[in-house]
Amino acid sequence: MGKDIRYILERDRRLTEEEIAMIEAARELPEVYDADNPPIDPVETPEQYAALMRAVGERNRRITGRRAGSA
C-alpha cells in the first residue's frame, strides 16, 4: 500500500486559494466504483440505501446544529 498522509485540521484556519481550486477540480472528476466503494442502488440493495439515507440525515442534522450554534 501507499504511504498514509495525515492532515491536522485547525478550526480557525482558512482554506488557501490552491486548496479551494483543488476541491473545485475534484468536483468535476467522475465517481469511481470498486469492491471497497460499490454503488448503492435503492432497488437492488434497499437496506444499504436506507442506512445511507439515515447516515446522511444524521450528518445534516449535526451540520445544521453547528451552524445554529447548538452543537
N, C-alpha and C. Protein backbone atom coordinates (compact mmCIF):
# COMPACT_ATOMS: atom_id res chain seq x y z
N MET A 1 0.83 -1.19 0.00
CA MET A 1 0.00 0.00 0.00
C MET A 1 0.87 1.25 0.00
N GLY A 2 0.25 2.34 -0.35
CA GLY A 2 0.96 3.61 -0.37
C GLY A 2 1.13 4.18 1.02
N LYS A 3 1.88 5.23 1.07
CA LYS A 3 2.14 5.90 2.34
C LYS A 3 0.89 6.69 2.76
N ASP A 4 0.53 6.57 4.02
CA ASP A 4 -0.60 7.34 4.54
C ASP A 4 -0.21 8.80 4.68
N ILE A 5 -1.13 9.67 4.35
CA ILE A 5 -0.92 11.10 4.51
C ILE A 5 -1.87 11.58 5.58
N ARG A 6 -1.37 12.35 6.49
CA ARG A 6 -2.16 12.82 7.62
C ARG A 6 -2.20 14.33 7.64
N TYR A 7 -3.40 14.86 7.84
CA TYR A 7 -3.57 16.30 7.95
C TYR A 7 -4.17 16.62 9.31
N ILE A 8 -3.70 17.65 9.93
CA ILE A 8 -4.29 18.13 11.17
C ILE A 8 -5.07 19.39 10.82
N LEU A 9 -6.36 19.31 11.01
CA LEU A 9 -7.22 20.44 10.67
C LEU A 9 -7.33 21.38 11.86
N GLU A 10 -7.15 22.62 11.59
CA GLU A 10 -7.30 23.64 12.62
C GLU A 10 -8.59 24.40 12.35
N ARG A 11 -9.42 24.51 13.35
CA ARG A 11 -10.75 25.08 13.20
C ARG A 11 -10.72 26.51 12.66
N ASP A 12 -9.79 27.32 13.04
CA ASP A 12 -9.77 28.72 12.64
C ASP A 12 -9.02 28.99 11.34
N ARG A 13 -8.37 27.97 10.78
CA ARG A 13 -7.58 28.17 9.57
C ARG A 13 -8.48 28.21 8.34
N ARG A 14 -8.26 29.18 7.49
CA ARG A 14 -8.99 29.31 6.23
C ARG A 14 -8.30 28.50 5.14
N LEU A 15 -9.08 28.00 4.18
CA LEU A 15 -8.51 27.30 3.04
C LEU A 15 -7.76 28.29 2.16
N THR A 16 -6.67 27.83 1.58
CA THR A 16 -5.93 28.67 0.64
C THR A 16 -6.62 28.63 -0.71
N GLU A 17 -6.27 29.55 -1.59
CA GLU A 17 -6.83 29.57 -2.94
C GLU A 17 -6.50 28.26 -3.67
N GLU A 18 -5.29 27.75 -3.44
CA GLU A 18 -4.89 26.50 -4.07
C GLU A 18 -5.76 25.33 -3.59
N GLU A 19 -6.04 25.27 -2.30
CA GLU A 19 -6.88 24.21 -1.76
C GLU A 19 -8.31 24.31 -2.30
N ILE A 20 -8.82 25.52 -2.41
CA ILE A 20 -10.16 25.71 -2.96
C ILE A 20 -10.19 25.25 -4.41
N ALA A 21 -9.16 25.58 -5.18
CA ALA A 21 -9.08 25.16 -6.58
C ALA A 21 -9.03 23.64 -6.69
N MET A 22 -8.31 22.98 -5.78
CA MET A 22 -8.23 21.52 -5.79
C MET A 22 -9.59 20.89 -5.53
N ILE A 23 -10.33 21.45 -4.58
CA ILE A 23 -11.66 20.94 -4.26
C ILE A 23 -12.61 21.13 -5.44
N GLU A 24 -12.56 22.31 -6.05
CA GLU A 24 -13.41 22.58 -7.21
C GLU A 24 -13.08 21.62 -8.35
N ALA A 25 -11.79 21.35 -8.59
CA ALA A 25 -11.39 20.43 -9.65
C ALA A 25 -11.86 19.01 -9.34
N ALA A 26 -11.81 18.62 -8.08
CA ALA A 26 -12.23 17.27 -7.69
C ALA A 26 -13.72 17.07 -7.90
N ARG A 27 -14.50 18.13 -7.81
CA ARG A 27 -15.95 18.02 -8.04
C ARG A 27 -16.25 17.58 -9.47
N GLU A 28 -15.36 17.85 -10.39
CA GLU A 28 -15.57 17.53 -11.80
C GLU A 28 -15.15 16.09 -12.14
N LEU A 29 -14.45 15.42 -11.24
CA LEU A 29 -13.99 14.06 -11.51
C LEU A 29 -15.17 13.09 -11.45
N PRO A 30 -15.13 12.04 -12.28
CA PRO A 30 -16.21 11.05 -12.24
C PRO A 30 -16.10 10.19 -10.98
N GLU A 31 -17.23 9.64 -10.56
CA GLU A 31 -17.22 8.70 -9.44
C GLU A 31 -16.62 7.39 -9.92
N VAL A 32 -15.80 6.77 -9.08
CA VAL A 32 -15.17 5.51 -9.43
C VAL A 32 -15.62 4.47 -8.42
N TYR A 33 -16.23 3.41 -8.91
CA TYR A 33 -16.71 2.34 -8.04
C TYR A 33 -15.77 1.15 -8.12
N ASP A 34 -15.59 0.46 -6.98
CA ASP A 34 -14.81 -0.76 -6.93
C ASP A 34 -15.34 -1.59 -5.76
N ALA A 35 -14.60 -2.63 -5.36
CA ALA A 35 -15.06 -3.51 -4.29
C ALA A 35 -15.19 -2.76 -2.96
N ASP A 36 -14.34 -1.77 -2.73
CA ASP A 36 -14.40 -1.00 -1.49
C ASP A 36 -15.42 0.14 -1.55
N ASN A 37 -15.84 0.51 -2.74
CA ASN A 37 -16.76 1.63 -2.92
C ASN A 37 -17.81 1.25 -3.97
N PRO A 38 -18.71 0.31 -3.62
CA PRO A 38 -19.71 -0.11 -4.61
C PRO A 38 -20.84 0.91 -4.72
N PRO A 39 -21.50 0.97 -5.87
CA PRO A 39 -22.65 1.86 -5.97
C PRO A 39 -23.77 1.33 -5.08
N ILE A 40 -24.55 2.22 -4.52
CA ILE A 40 -25.67 1.81 -3.66
C ILE A 40 -26.95 2.09 -4.43
N ASP A 41 -27.60 1.02 -4.86
CA ASP A 41 -28.81 1.10 -5.66
C ASP A 41 -30.02 0.90 -4.75
N PRO A 42 -30.95 1.87 -4.70
CA PRO A 42 -32.10 1.74 -3.81
C PRO A 42 -33.01 0.56 -4.16
N VAL A 43 -32.98 0.09 -5.41
CA VAL A 43 -33.83 -1.04 -5.81
C VAL A 43 -33.16 -2.37 -5.48
N GLU A 44 -31.86 -2.48 -5.79
CA GLU A 44 -31.16 -3.74 -5.58
C GLU A 44 -30.72 -3.95 -4.13
N THR A 45 -30.39 -2.88 -3.42
CA THR A 45 -29.93 -3.00 -2.03
C THR A 45 -30.67 -1.99 -1.15
N PRO A 46 -31.98 -2.21 -0.92
CA PRO A 46 -32.76 -1.23 -0.16
C PRO A 46 -32.27 -1.04 1.27
N GLU A 47 -31.71 -2.09 1.89
CA GLU A 47 -31.22 -1.95 3.27
C GLU A 47 -30.01 -1.01 3.32
N GLN A 48 -29.09 -1.19 2.37
CA GLN A 48 -27.92 -0.32 2.33
C GLN A 48 -28.33 1.12 2.02
N TYR A 49 -29.27 1.27 1.11
CA TYR A 49 -29.73 2.61 0.74
C TYR A 49 -30.39 3.29 1.93
N ALA A 50 -31.22 2.58 2.67
CA ALA A 50 -31.88 3.14 3.85
C ALA A 50 -30.85 3.54 4.90
N ALA A 51 -29.82 2.70 5.11
CA ALA A 51 -28.76 3.02 6.07
C ALA A 51 -28.00 4.27 5.63
N LEU A 52 -27.73 4.39 4.34
CA LEU A 52 -27.04 5.57 3.82
C LEU A 52 -27.88 6.82 4.05
N MET A 53 -29.16 6.75 3.77
CA MET A 53 -30.03 7.92 3.94
C MET A 53 -30.14 8.32 5.41
N ARG A 54 -30.15 7.33 6.33
CA ARG A 54 -30.15 7.66 7.77
C ARG A 54 -28.86 8.38 8.15
N ALA A 55 -27.73 7.88 7.63
CA ALA A 55 -26.44 8.50 7.93
C ALA A 55 -26.36 9.92 7.38
N VAL A 56 -26.87 10.11 6.18
CA VAL A 56 -26.87 11.45 5.57
C VAL A 56 -27.74 12.39 6.39
N GLY A 57 -28.91 11.93 6.81
CA GLY A 57 -29.79 12.76 7.64
C GLY A 57 -29.14 13.14 8.96
N GLU A 58 -28.47 12.19 9.60
CA GLU A 58 -27.79 12.47 10.87
C GLU A 58 -26.67 13.47 10.66
N ARG A 59 -25.90 13.30 9.60
CA ARG A 59 -24.82 14.24 9.30
C ARG A 59 -25.39 15.65 9.07
N ASN A 60 -26.47 15.73 8.31
CA ASN A 60 -27.06 17.04 8.04
C ASN A 60 -27.59 17.70 9.31
N ARG A 61 -28.15 16.89 10.22
CA ARG A 61 -28.62 17.45 11.50
C ARG A 61 -27.45 17.99 12.32
N ARG A 62 -26.33 17.26 12.32
CA ARG A 62 -25.15 17.74 13.06
C ARG A 62 -24.62 19.02 12.46
N ILE A 63 -24.55 19.07 11.13
CA ILE A 63 -24.03 20.26 10.46
C ILE A 63 -24.94 21.45 10.75
N THR A 64 -26.24 21.28 10.65
CA THR A 64 -27.19 22.35 10.90
C THR A 64 -27.08 22.82 12.35
N GLY A 65 -26.88 21.88 13.27
CA GLY A 65 -26.73 22.25 14.68
C GLY A 65 -25.50 23.09 14.93
N ARG A 66 -24.42 22.79 14.23
CA ARG A 66 -23.19 23.59 14.39
C ARG A 66 -23.40 25.00 13.89
N ARG A 67 -24.07 25.12 12.75
CA ARG A 67 -24.29 26.44 12.19
C ARG A 67 -25.19 27.28 13.09
N ALA A 68 -26.14 26.63 13.76
CA ALA A 68 -27.04 27.35 14.65
C ALA A 68 -26.37 27.66 15.99
N GLY A 69 -25.23 27.00 16.23
CA GLY A 69 -24.51 27.25 17.47
C GLY A 69 -24.95 26.38 18.62
N SER A 70 -25.74 25.33 18.33
CA SER A 70 -26.23 24.48 19.42
C SER A 70 -25.41 23.21 19.60
N ALA A 71 -24.49 22.91 18.69
CA ALA A 71 -23.72 21.66 18.83
C ALA A 71 -22.32 21.93 19.30
